[in-house]
Amino acid sequence: MNKYIKYSHIKSLIIVFIAFFFMGCQKDFLDKNPLDQISSPTFWKTQNDADMALAGCYSRLNCNTFNYSGNMSLDIMAGDACEGAQSLGSSSTGEFALGQMFATSGGILYNVYSDCYNGIATCNTFLANIDHVSIPDAVKTEYKGEVLFLRALFYFTLSDFYGGVPLYTAPTVTVADAEIKQSSKDSVVAQVLADLQVAIANLPNTAYDGHAVKGSALALESRVLLYKQDWAGAAAAAQQVMTDGIFQLSGDYKNLFLAAGQDKNPEIMFSTRYLNPDNSIDQDIEVEWWGLWNPRQELVDAFECTDGLPITQSPLYNPANWKLNRDPRMLLTLKAFADPAVKASGEVVPYAYNGNSITGYEPTKGANVEALPVDYSTKSEQDWILIRYAEVLLNFAEATNEVSGATTAVYDAINQVRARPGINMPPIPAGLTQDDMRKRIWNERRVEFGLEGRRYSDIRRWKLAETYLNSLVLPGSGTQYVFDPAKNYLWPFPQSEIDINKNLVQNPGY
């Protein structure tokens, strides 16, 4: 876990076909850890085999692309955070934010590509073999729905960053099978939506318990259609989740992102799951000790005052005491670098960061202060939330506003997010134009999902990236951020893949 995969995705496709990556099975098999690889000829026989194979598909989420590290790093590229002093100049995302993105860059650029294709290969192997297993058809159908949901998530992630990519819907056995040209982005997204339609039809309409359910698939469909600017479709998918009533906003925003508050949390619709001691992550080490991500002032300033006005308009804002009278989500997302932690017992504990923050801020979202003081023995098990109900509401609000303007339904959806228990932000003002409402929704997404890795995709799909990012400089250096709209809306394919796949055509500008 958290180690970069060294093989090209083509090699991985073949390796996964030959030796499947499985996890242990019990009723809670998604919480277990990878066992030794099992030979395909002796496999695909029993319910136990099917459970292990399904767990192997879910295990592909335990990588940087789908955990806190990869997603918080995206906020560096989005201009909501900077590299911490400990990693300044060594992180690929920091370089990318300054316009230094090349096919040979590696880091997150390679990891997303490799992680997703490893997941796709595992899903394709499962789908090609599950019919050989002697289990009830109803179970088999549900398992297929889960795996199609996962494959849709992997392909959608690829399409968001790289555009059109090679499209594989069955296992590849030889290198020649894998050496294909990329399909168009529209074709990839069409496959994503086709997979999700089957998943929606076959998954149970129940609460999330670690397995994808109907609501998970509908929420992802809403996201995909929102990015596609199919406003009516995105609104309809979100509306279905809202109407079904299975999910709701959590009344504890802080613990939504901590292990103590995640079990059966009604807001979590899909996540990458962890369980100590064996399936753990370094989240608290990297956030509370190393300080690898420093929130920028621009993110701090995006949080309104408690009267619902931006800090540029509110009489409640006091620059000398910036924490006073602010949206409660602000201090549940970030903190002043010098501020200590306060445990549930009231004990005040310093963070003892390895270095200074270059912005003066550090994250608090997902940081377990009960684990302090942190050292190398610290094991974290916070699940990383990939989809939550607040997104469904804001997807609905955004899509409906684009179709119909600032209707009552739009106000109701966005105000539900603002008024959740413990946050209690006032409703947004009445009488907004469609454009005014659009800007309010944009900012609401920014603060609600602050440091969750959502904004980089948002500012790109809103075509704000070149305007916003090119207005920024790296704190303390004056080095200009660079986003070239002629090429940076897509990432380059890793050069290692271009070298191996002679049919893969590099994205423009790289």
Protein backbone atom coordinates (compact mmCIF):
# COMPACT_ATOMS: atom_id res chain seq x y z
CA MET A 1 0.00 0.00 0.00
CA ASN A 2 1.07 3.56 -0.77
CA LYS A 3 3.88 2.20 -2.92
CA TYR A 4 4.17 3.18 -6.54
CA ILE A 5 3.47 0.40 -9.00
CA LYS A 6 6.53 -0.06 -11.15
CA TYR A 7 5.02 -1.95 -14.08
CA SER A 8 3.34 -0.45 -17.10
CA HIS A 9 -0.39 -0.97 -17.27
CA ILE A 10 0.02 -3.29 -20.23
CA LYS A 11 2.22 -5.65 -18.22
CA SER A 12 -0.21 -5.35 -15.33
CA LEU A 13 -3.15 -6.32 -17.53
CA ILE A 14 -1.41 -9.58 -18.41
CA ILE A 15 -0.08 -10.24 -14.92
CA VAL A 16 -3.54 -9.76 -13.40
CA PHE A 17 -5.00 -12.20 -15.91
CA ILE A 18 -2.45 -14.85 -14.98
CA ALA A 19 -2.30 -14.31 -11.22
CA PHE A 20 -5.34 -12.62 -9.66
CA PHE A 21 -4.91 -10.36 -6.64
CA PHE A 22 -7.22 -11.57 -3.91
CA MET A 23 -8.18 -10.78 -0.35
CA GLY A 24 -9.30 -12.99 2.52
CA CYS A 25 -12.98 -13.80 2.80
CA GLN A 26 -15.45 -13.72 5.63
CA LYS A 27 -18.70 -11.84 6.10
CA ASP A 28 -16.52 -8.70 6.48
CA PHE A 29 -14.05 -9.69 3.78
CA LEU A 30 -13.62 -6.11 2.54
CA ASP A 31 -11.82 -5.39 5.81
CA LYS A 32 -9.28 -8.16 5.31
CA ASN A 33 -5.86 -8.00 3.78
CA PRO A 34 -4.37 -9.46 0.58
CA LEU A 35 -3.40 -13.10 0.79
CA ASP A 36 -1.02 -14.96 -1.48
CA GLN A 37 -1.96 -15.01 -5.14
CA ILE A 38 -4.04 -18.00 -6.13
CA SER A 39 -3.74 -20.02 -9.29
CA SER A 40 -6.63 -19.44 -11.73
CA PRO A 41 -6.99 -23.15 -12.74
CA THR A 42 -7.89 -24.12 -9.17
CA PHE A 43 -10.02 -21.05 -8.58
CA TRP A 44 -13.48 -19.79 -9.63
CA LYS A 45 -15.32 -22.68 -8.01
CA THR A 46 -17.05 -21.69 -4.79
CA GLN A 47 -18.74 -18.86 -2.91
CA ASN A 48 -15.49 -18.47 -1.00
CA ASP A 49 -13.63 -17.94 -4.28
CA ALA A 50 -16.18 -15.39 -5.48
CA ASP A 51 -15.92 -13.45 -2.22
CA MET A 52 -12.15 -13.40 -2.40
CA ALA A 53 -12.23 -12.28 -6.01
CA LEU A 54 -14.68 -9.49 -5.24
CA ALA A 55 -12.52 -8.33 -2.36
CA GLY A 56 -9.56 -8.30 -4.75
CA CYS A 57 -11.41 -5.82 -6.96
CA TYR A 58 -12.11 -3.53 -4.00
CA SER A 59 -8.50 -3.80 -2.86
CA ARG A 60 -7.45 -1.86 -5.97
CA LEU A 61 -8.79 1.27 -4.25
CA ASN A 62 -6.01 1.03 -1.67
CA CYS A 63 -3.64 3.17 -3.68
CA ASN A 64 -2.63 6.84 -3.81
CA THR A 65 -5.19 7.70 -6.48
CA PHE A 66 -8.09 6.79 -4.20
CA ASN A 67 -6.77 7.78 -0.77
CA TYR A 68 -6.08 10.99 1.12
CA SER A 69 -2.57 11.43 -0.29
CA GLY A 70 -3.47 11.55 -3.96
CA ASN A 71 -6.57 13.63 -3.41
CA MET A 72 -5.01 16.20 -1.11
CA SER A 73 -2.18 16.49 -3.61
CA LEU A 74 -4.73 17.44 -6.25
CA ASP A 75 -5.59 20.45 -4.09
CA ILE A 76 -2.03 21.67 -4.68
CA MET A 77 -2.77 21.64 -8.40
CA ALA A 78 -6.12 23.33 -7.72
CA GLY A 79 -4.47 26.24 -5.91
CA ASP A 80 -6.12 25.52 -2.55
CA ALA A 81 -2.94 24.17 -0.96
CA CYS A 82 0.83 24.16 -1.34
CA GLU A 83 3.47 21.55 -0.72
CA GLY A 84 4.61 21.56 2.88
CA ALA A 85 8.12 22.69 3.66
CA GLN A 86 9.20 19.07 4.07
CA SER A 87 8.40 18.18 0.47
CA LEU A 88 8.86 21.56 -1.24
CA GLY A 89 10.39 21.03 -4.66
CA SER A 90 10.17 17.24 -4.52
CA SER A 91 6.48 16.62 -5.23
CA SER A 92 5.22 16.13 -8.77
CA THR A 93 2.03 18.01 -7.95
CA GLY A 94 4.02 21.04 -6.80
CA GLU A 95 5.91 21.02 -10.08
CA PHE A 96 2.70 20.56 -12.07
CA ALA A 97 1.14 23.60 -10.38
CA LEU A 98 4.06 25.64 -11.73
CA GLY A 99 3.49 24.34 -15.25
CA GLN A 100 6.24 21.71 -15.18
CA MET A 101 4.20 18.76 -16.41
CA PHE A 102 5.85 16.39 -18.86
CA ALA A 103 5.24 12.87 -20.12
CA THR A 104 8.33 11.78 -18.20
CA SER A 105 7.28 13.44 -14.93
CA GLY A 106 6.08 10.34 -13.11
CA GLY A 107 4.52 10.80 -9.67
CA ILE A 108 0.78 11.38 -9.65
CA LEU A 109 0.70 11.54 -13.45
CA TYR A 110 1.90 7.94 -13.68
CA ASN A 111 0.16 6.70 -10.55
CA VAL A 112 -3.36 7.63 -11.65
CA TYR A 113 -2.85 5.88 -14.99
CA SER A 114 -1.31 2.76 -13.45
CA ASP A 115 -3.66 2.55 -10.46
CA CYS A 116 -6.77 2.79 -12.61
CA TYR A 117 -5.62 0.25 -15.16
CA ASN A 118 -4.62 -2.19 -12.44
CA GLY A 119 -8.16 -1.83 -11.13
CA ILE A 120 -9.70 -2.24 -14.58
CA ALA A 121 -7.67 -5.39 -15.25
CA THR A 122 -8.80 -6.93 -11.97
CA CYS A 123 -12.43 -6.05 -12.68
CA ASN A 124 -12.25 -7.49 -16.20
CA THR A 125 -10.78 -10.72 -14.90
CA PHE A 126 -13.58 -10.99 -12.36
CA LEU A 127 -16.30 -10.36 -14.95
CA ALA A 128 -14.79 -12.90 -17.34
CA ASN A 129 -14.75 -15.66 -14.73
CA ILE A 130 -17.55 -15.14 -12.22
CA ASP A 131 -20.05 -17.15 -14.30
CA HIS A 132 -17.87 -20.22 -13.70
CA VAL A 133 -18.59 -20.09 -9.98
CA SER A 134 -21.40 -22.17 -8.49
CA ILE A 135 -23.33 -19.52 -6.59
CA PRO A 136 -26.97 -18.36 -6.85
CA ASP A 137 -27.70 -16.18 -9.86
CA ALA A 138 -28.97 -13.36 -7.64
CA VAL A 139 -25.65 -13.22 -5.79
CA LYS A 140 -23.74 -13.37 -9.04
CA THR A 141 -25.79 -10.51 -10.50
CA GLU A 142 -25.16 -8.32 -7.46
CA TYR A 143 -21.43 -9.02 -7.50
CA LYS A 144 -21.28 -8.10 -11.19
CA GLY A 145 -23.03 -4.83 -10.36
CA GLU A 146 -20.41 -4.00 -7.76
CA VAL A 147 -17.53 -4.74 -10.11
CA LEU A 148 -19.09 -2.77 -12.98
CA PHE A 149 -19.43 0.16 -10.58
CA LEU A 150 -15.74 -0.11 -9.75
CA ARG A 151 -14.74 -0.35 -13.41
CA ALA A 152 -16.85 2.74 -14.12
CA LEU A 153 -15.07 4.62 -11.34
CA PHE A 154 -11.65 3.66 -12.71
CA TYR A 155 -12.50 4.61 -16.29
CA PHE A 156 -14.20 7.85 -15.28
CA THR A 157 -11.10 8.86 -13.33
CA LEU A 158 -8.92 8.17 -16.37
CA SER A 159 -11.23 10.13 -18.68
CA ASP A 160 -11.24 13.12 -16.34
CA PHE A 161 -7.45 13.44 -16.35
CA TYR A 162 -6.35 12.01 -19.71
CA GLY A 163 -9.45 12.34 -21.91
CA GLY A 164 -9.73 9.39 -24.29
CA VAL A 165 -7.83 6.30 -23.15
CA PRO A 166 -7.42 2.68 -24.32
CA LEU A 167 -10.69 0.91 -23.61
CA TYR A 168 -10.55 -2.70 -22.42
CA THR A 169 -13.72 -4.52 -21.41
CA ALA A 170 -12.23 -8.03 -21.30
CA PRO A 171 -8.95 -9.50 -20.05
CA THR A 172 -5.93 -9.19 -22.33
CA VAL A 173 -3.69 -12.22 -22.65
CA THR A 174 -0.89 -10.98 -24.89
CA VAL A 175 0.93 -7.69 -25.32
CA ALA A 176 -0.56 -7.44 -28.80
CA ASP A 177 -4.05 -7.52 -27.27
CA ALA A 178 -3.16 -4.60 -25.03
CA GLU A 179 -1.47 -2.43 -27.67
CA ILE A 180 -4.49 -0.50 -28.85
CA LYS A 181 -5.10 3.15 -29.62
CA GLN A 182 -7.06 5.22 -27.17
CA SER A 183 -10.80 5.52 -27.71
CA SER A 184 -12.38 8.96 -27.74
CA LYS A 185 -13.34 10.49 -24.41
CA ASP A 186 -16.99 10.29 -25.46
CA SER A 187 -16.62 6.54 -26.05
CA VAL A 188 -14.98 6.02 -22.65
CA VAL A 189 -17.67 8.02 -20.87
CA ALA A 190 -20.34 6.09 -22.77
CA GLN A 191 -18.84 2.85 -21.42
CA VAL A 192 -18.79 4.33 -17.92
CA LEU A 193 -22.47 5.20 -18.17
CA ALA A 194 -23.34 1.80 -19.62
CA ASP A 195 -21.57 0.07 -16.71
CA LEU A 196 -23.37 2.30 -14.24
CA GLN A 197 -26.77 1.57 -15.75
CA VAL A 198 -26.23 -2.15 -15.18
CA ALA A 199 -24.92 -1.47 -11.68
CA ILE A 200 -27.94 0.70 -10.83
CA ALA A 201 -30.29 -2.04 -12.02
CA ASN A 202 -28.53 -4.83 -10.12
CA LEU A 203 -27.36 -3.31 -6.84
CA PRO A 204 -29.49 -3.29 -3.69
CA ASN A 205 -31.14 -0.02 -2.70
CA THR A 206 -29.73 -0.09 0.82
CA ALA A 207 -27.32 1.85 3.02
CA TYR A 208 -23.61 1.69 2.24
CA ASP A 209 -21.70 -0.95 4.18
CA GLY A 210 -18.42 -1.10 2.26
CA HIS A 211 -20.02 -2.57 -0.84
CA ALA A 212 -21.27 -0.36 -3.66
CA VAL A 213 -25.05 -0.01 -3.58
CA LYS A 214 -27.61 1.52 -5.90
CA GLY A 215 -27.16 4.95 -4.32
CA SER A 216 -23.39 4.77 -4.88
CA ALA A 217 -23.92 4.11 -8.58
CA LEU A 218 -26.59 6.81 -8.96
CA ALA A 219 -24.35 9.35 -7.25
CA LEU A 220 -21.43 8.49 -9.51
CA GLU A 221 -23.74 8.68 -12.52
CA SER A 222 -24.78 12.14 -11.38
CA ARG A 223 -21.13 13.19 -11.19
CA VAL A 224 -20.30 11.77 -14.61
CA LEU A 225 -23.28 13.50 -16.23
CA LEU A 226 -22.49 16.77 -14.44
CA TYR A 227 -18.95 16.72 -15.83
CA LYS A 228 -20.46 15.90 -19.25
CA GLN A 229 -22.77 18.93 -18.87
CA ASP A 230 -25.82 16.73 -19.27
CA TRP A 231 -27.60 18.90 -16.74
CA ALA A 232 -30.99 17.21 -16.93
CA GLY A 233 -29.47 13.75 -16.59
CA ALA A 234 -27.25 14.79 -13.68
CA ALA A 235 -30.20 16.36 -11.87
CA ALA A 236 -32.36 13.27 -12.45
CA ALA A 237 -29.75 10.87 -11.06
CA ALA A 238 -29.22 13.05 -8.00
CA GLN A 239 -32.98 13.47 -7.56
CA GLN A 240 -33.42 9.70 -7.51
CA VAL A 241 -30.98 9.40 -4.60
CA MET A 242 -32.75 12.22 -2.78
CA THR A 243 -36.17 10.65 -3.37
CA ASP A 244 -35.08 7.18 -2.26
CA GLY A 245 -34.15 8.63 1.13
CA ILE A 246 -31.50 6.04 1.98
CA PHE A 247 -28.76 8.62 2.60
CA GLN A 248 -28.68 11.87 4.54
CA LEU A 249 -26.26 14.49 5.77
CA SER A 250 -24.21 13.66 8.84
CA GLY A 251 -24.77 15.74 11.94
CA ASP A 252 -21.08 15.51 12.85
CA TYR A 253 -18.96 17.11 10.14
CA LYS A 254 -15.67 16.57 11.97
CA ASN A 255 -16.10 12.86 12.66
CA LEU A 256 -17.40 12.24 9.15
CA PHE A 257 -13.72 12.13 8.18
CA LEU A 258 -12.47 10.12 11.16
CA ALA A 259 -12.73 6.39 11.76
CA ALA A 260 -14.72 6.92 14.94
CA GLY A 261 -17.59 8.48 13.01
CA GLN A 262 -17.55 6.52 9.77
CA ASP A 263 -19.16 3.19 10.59
CA LYS A 264 -22.72 3.25 9.20
CA ASN A 265 -22.47 7.00 8.64
CA PRO A 266 -25.58 7.95 6.61
CA GLU A 267 -23.68 10.48 4.48
CA ILE A 268 -20.96 8.14 3.19
CA MET A 269 -21.98 6.61 -0.13
CA PHE A 270 -18.66 5.08 -1.17
CA SER A 271 -15.14 5.08 0.24
CA THR A 272 -11.71 3.50 0.25
CA ARG A 273 -11.71 1.46 3.46
CA TYR A 274 -8.95 0.78 5.97
CA LEU A 275 -8.70 -1.27 9.14
CA ASN A 276 -5.85 -1.37 11.65
CA PRO A 277 -3.43 -2.88 12.20
CA ASP A 278 -2.59 -4.52 8.88
CA ASN A 279 -4.60 -2.45 6.41
CA SER A 280 -3.53 0.96 7.67
CA ILE A 281 -2.32 4.23 6.18
CA ASP A 282 0.07 7.03 7.15
CA GLN A 283 -2.57 9.77 7.14
CA ASP A 284 -1.88 11.14 10.62
CA ILE A 285 1.88 10.91 10.17
CA GLU A 286 1.76 12.91 6.94
CA VAL A 287 -0.88 15.43 8.04
CA GLU A 288 -0.16 15.94 11.74
CA TRP A 289 3.60 15.43 11.84
CA TRP A 290 5.18 15.96 8.46
CA GLY A 291 2.73 18.67 7.40
CA LEU A 292 2.93 17.72 3.72
CA TRP A 293 0.03 19.95 2.65
CA ASN A 294 -0.36 23.63 3.56
CA PRO A 295 -3.75 25.24 2.80
CA ARG A 296 -3.49 28.52 0.93
CA GLN A 297 -4.90 31.86 2.07
CA GLU A 298 -7.32 31.83 -0.87
CA LEU A 299 -9.06 28.77 0.56
CA VAL A 300 -9.22 30.35 4.02
CA ASP A 301 -10.79 33.47 2.55
CA ALA A 302 -13.44 31.46 0.68
CA PHE A 303 -15.22 30.59 3.95
CA GLU A 304 -18.00 33.05 4.74
CA CYS A 305 -18.79 34.65 8.05
CA THR A 306 -21.62 33.26 10.14
CA ASP A 307 -24.01 35.88 8.72
CA GLY A 308 -23.64 34.20 5.33
CA LEU A 309 -21.67 37.06 3.80
CA PRO A 310 -18.18 36.80 2.30
CA ILE A 311 -15.40 38.32 4.36
CA THR A 312 -15.18 41.23 1.90
CA GLN A 313 -18.76 42.26 2.82
CA SER A 314 -19.47 41.01 6.34
CA PRO A 315 -19.28 43.43 9.29
CA LEU A 316 -18.47 40.38 11.42
CA TYR A 317 -15.09 39.83 9.80
CA ASN A 318 -12.09 40.92 11.84
CA PRO A 319 -8.73 40.52 10.05
CA ALA A 320 -6.98 40.60 13.42
CA ASN A 321 -9.00 37.58 14.55
CA TRP A 322 -9.75 35.74 11.30
CA LYS A 323 -11.14 32.68 13.10
CA LEU A 324 -13.95 34.63 14.78
CA ASN A 325 -17.50 34.42 13.38
CA ARG A 326 -16.60 32.16 10.47
CA ASP A 327 -18.32 29.23 8.78
CA PRO A 328 -17.66 26.34 11.23
CA ARG A 329 -16.42 24.20 8.34
CA MET A 330 -13.33 26.41 8.11
CA LEU A 331 -11.72 25.27 11.36
CA LEU A 332 -12.89 21.72 10.68
CA THR A 333 -10.90 21.88 7.45
CA LEU A 334 -7.77 23.84 8.40
CA LYS A 335 -6.02 25.59 11.27
CA ALA A 336 -3.34 28.12 12.01
CA PHE A 337 0.05 26.44 11.95
CA ALA A 338 0.85 27.41 15.54
CA ASP A 339 -2.46 26.29 17.05
CA PRO A 340 -2.23 23.13 19.19
CA ALA A 341 -4.68 20.25 19.20
CA VAL A 342 -7.31 19.78 21.88
CA LYS A 343 -8.26 16.18 22.57
CA ALA A 344 -11.75 15.07 23.59
CA SER A 345 -10.53 14.92 27.19
CA GLY A 346 -9.56 18.60 27.06
CA GLU A 347 -5.85 17.82 26.97
CA VAL A 348 -3.92 20.33 24.85
CA VAL A 349 -1.29 18.67 22.69
CA PRO A 350 1.21 20.35 20.33
CA TYR A 351 1.55 19.01 16.80
CA ALA A 352 5.38 19.11 16.69
CA TYR A 353 5.56 19.47 12.91
CA ASN A 354 8.84 18.63 11.20
CA GLY A 355 8.99 22.05 9.57
CA ASN A 356 7.17 25.33 9.17
CA SER A 357 4.11 25.88 7.03
CA ILE A 358 4.87 28.06 4.02
CA THR A 359 1.31 29.44 4.13
CA GLY A 360 0.79 29.61 7.89
CA TYR A 361 -1.91 26.93 7.83
CA GLU A 362 -2.25 23.17 8.22
CA PRO A 363 -5.15 20.77 7.51
CA THR A 364 -7.49 19.54 10.23
CA LYS A 365 -9.96 17.60 8.07
CA GLY A 366 -9.29 13.90 8.55
CA ALA A 367 -6.62 14.54 11.19
CA ASN A 368 -7.14 12.36 14.26
CA VAL A 369 -5.87 14.45 17.18
CA GLU A 370 -6.46 11.49 19.52
CA ALA A 371 -3.47 9.84 17.81
CA LEU A 372 -1.09 12.62 18.95
CA PRO A 373 1.80 12.58 19.62
CA VAL A 374 2.47 10.93 16.26
CA ASP A 375 5.54 8.86 15.44
CA TYR A 376 6.50 6.16 12.97
CA SER A 377 4.50 3.55 14.87
CA THR A 378 1.25 5.47 14.32
CA LYS A 379 -1.24 3.57 12.17
CA SER A 380 -4.26 5.38 10.77
CA GLU A 381 -7.49 3.80 9.57
CA GLN A 382 -9.64 6.70 8.43
CA ASP A 383 -11.61 5.65 5.37
CA TRP A 384 -11.17 8.05 2.47
CA ILE A 385 -14.61 9.18 1.30
CA LEU A 386 -14.95 9.09 -2.47
CA ILE A 387 -18.66 9.93 -2.67
CA ARG A 388 -20.91 11.47 -0.03
CA TYR A 389 -24.47 12.73 0.09
CA ALA A 390 -23.52 16.41 0.24
CA GLU A 391 -22.19 16.01 -3.29
CA VAL A 392 -25.51 14.62 -4.47
CA LEU A 393 -27.30 17.71 -3.14
CA LEU A 394 -24.80 20.11 -4.69
CA ASN A 395 -24.80 18.17 -7.97
CA PHE A 396 -28.57 18.52 -8.03
CA ALA A 397 -28.38 22.23 -7.22
CA GLU A 398 -25.80 22.94 -9.91
CA ALA A 399 -27.47 20.90 -12.63
CA THR A 400 -30.96 22.22 -11.89
CA ASN A 401 -29.72 25.81 -11.85
CA GLU A 402 -28.21 25.28 -15.30
CA VAL A 403 -31.55 23.93 -16.58
CA SER A 404 -34.07 26.16 -14.81
CA GLY A 405 -32.23 28.89 -12.96
CA ALA A 406 -32.40 29.53 -9.23
CA THR A 407 -35.60 27.64 -8.46
CA THR A 408 -36.90 26.76 -5.03
CA ALA A 409 -35.50 23.25 -5.47
CA VAL A 410 -32.02 24.69 -6.03
CA TYR A 411 -32.25 26.79 -2.88
CA ASP A 412 -33.53 23.83 -0.86
CA ALA A 413 -30.64 21.58 -1.93
CA ILE A 414 -27.82 24.04 -1.26
CA ASN A 415 -29.37 25.25 1.98
CA GLN A 416 -29.62 21.67 3.28
CA VAL A 417 -25.83 21.42 3.01
CA ARG A 418 -25.33 24.77 4.73
CA ALA A 419 -27.80 24.05 7.54
CA ARG A 420 -26.54 20.61 8.55
CA PRO A 421 -26.45 20.18 12.37
CA GLY A 422 -23.29 21.61 13.84
CA ILE A 423 -22.70 23.91 10.86
CA ASN A 424 -25.93 25.90 10.78
CA MET A 425 -24.94 28.42 8.15
CA PRO A 426 -27.81 30.72 7.13
CA PRO A 427 -29.67 30.23 3.86
CA ILE A 428 -28.22 31.92 0.82
CA PRO A 429 -30.07 35.14 -0.09
CA ALA A 430 -33.28 34.99 -2.08
CA GLY A 431 -33.71 36.50 -5.52
CA LEU A 432 -30.42 35.37 -7.07
CA THR A 433 -30.01 35.31 -10.82
CA GLN A 434 -28.89 32.11 -12.49
CA ASP A 435 -25.34 33.47 -12.75
CA ASP A 436 -25.31 34.63 -9.13
CA MET A 437 -26.55 31.23 -7.99
CA ARG A 438 -23.93 29.51 -10.13
CA LYS A 439 -21.18 31.43 -8.33
CA ARG A 440 -22.68 30.62 -4.93
CA ILE A 441 -22.77 26.92 -5.80
CA TRP A 442 -19.17 27.06 -7.01
CA ASN A 443 -18.05 28.52 -3.68
CA GLU A 444 -20.23 26.14 -1.69
CA ARG A 445 -18.54 23.19 -3.36
CA ARG A 446 -15.15 24.73 -2.61
CA VAL A 447 -15.71 25.07 1.13
CA GLU A 448 -17.81 21.93 1.61
CA PHE A 449 -15.23 19.72 -0.11
CA GLY A 450 -12.15 21.69 0.96
CA LEU A 451 -9.00 19.51 0.93
CA GLU A 452 -10.91 16.50 -0.43
CA GLY A 453 -9.43 16.72 -3.93
CA ARG A 454 -12.64 17.76 -5.69
CA ARG A 455 -11.73 21.33 -6.71
CA TYR A 456 -9.10 20.51 -9.33
CA SER A 457 -11.71 18.76 -11.46
CA ASP A 458 -14.28 21.45 -10.70
CA ILE A 459 -12.21 24.41 -11.87
CA ARG A 460 -11.25 22.52 -15.02
CA ARG A 461 -14.82 21.59 -15.95
CA TRP A 462 -15.92 25.16 -15.17
CA LYS A 463 -13.12 26.47 -17.41
CA LEU A 464 -11.79 28.60 -14.55
CA ALA A 465 -8.40 26.93 -14.28
CA GLU A 466 -6.36 29.29 -16.44
CA THR A 467 -7.96 32.39 -14.88
CA TYR A 468 -7.59 31.32 -11.26
CA LEU A 469 -4.37 29.35 -11.29
CA ASN A 470 -2.45 31.87 -13.40
CA SER A 471 -3.27 34.54 -10.81
CA LEU A 472 -1.36 32.66 -8.09
CA VAL A 473 2.24 32.65 -6.94
CA LEU A 474 4.06 30.23 -4.69
CA PRO A 475 4.18 31.80 -1.21
CA GLY A 476 7.60 32.98 -0.19
CA SER A 477 9.11 32.75 -3.66
CA GLY A 478 6.92 34.74 -6.02
CA THR A 479 7.14 31.92 -8.56
CA GLN A 480 4.15 32.10 -10.88
CA TYR A 481 1.65 29.27 -11.20
CA VAL A 482 1.15 28.21 -14.81
CA PHE A 483 -1.87 26.57 -16.42
CA ASP A 484 -1.73 26.42 -20.20
CA PRO A 485 -5.30 25.99 -21.50
CA ALA A 486 -3.94 24.74 -24.83
CA LYS A 487 -2.80 21.52 -23.18
CA ASN A 488 -3.21 21.37 -19.40
CA TYR A 489 -6.90 20.49 -19.39
CA LEU A 490 -5.59 17.00 -20.11
CA TRP A 491 -2.54 15.28 -18.68
CA PRO A 492 0.09 13.65 -20.89
CA PHE A 493 0.16 9.88 -21.14
CA PRO A 494 3.17 8.55 -19.20
CA GLN A 495 6.13 8.22 -21.54
CA SER A 496 6.63 4.63 -20.40
CA GLU A 497 3.21 3.79 -21.86
CA ILE A 498 3.93 5.59 -25.12
CA ASP A 499 7.18 3.62 -25.40
CA ILE A 500 5.41 0.29 -24.88
CA ASN A 501 2.19 0.88 -26.81
CA LYS A 502 3.07 1.98 -30.34
CA ASN A 503 -0.60 2.72 -31.05
CA LEU A 504 -1.07 5.15 -28.16
CA VAL A 505 -1.06 8.75 -29.42
CA GLN A 506 0.22 11.40 -27.00
CA ASN A 507 -2.19 14.12 -25.93
CA PRO A 508 -1.73 17.49 -27.71
CA GLY A 509 1.02 19.80 -26.46
CA TYR A 510 3.17 17.12 -24.84
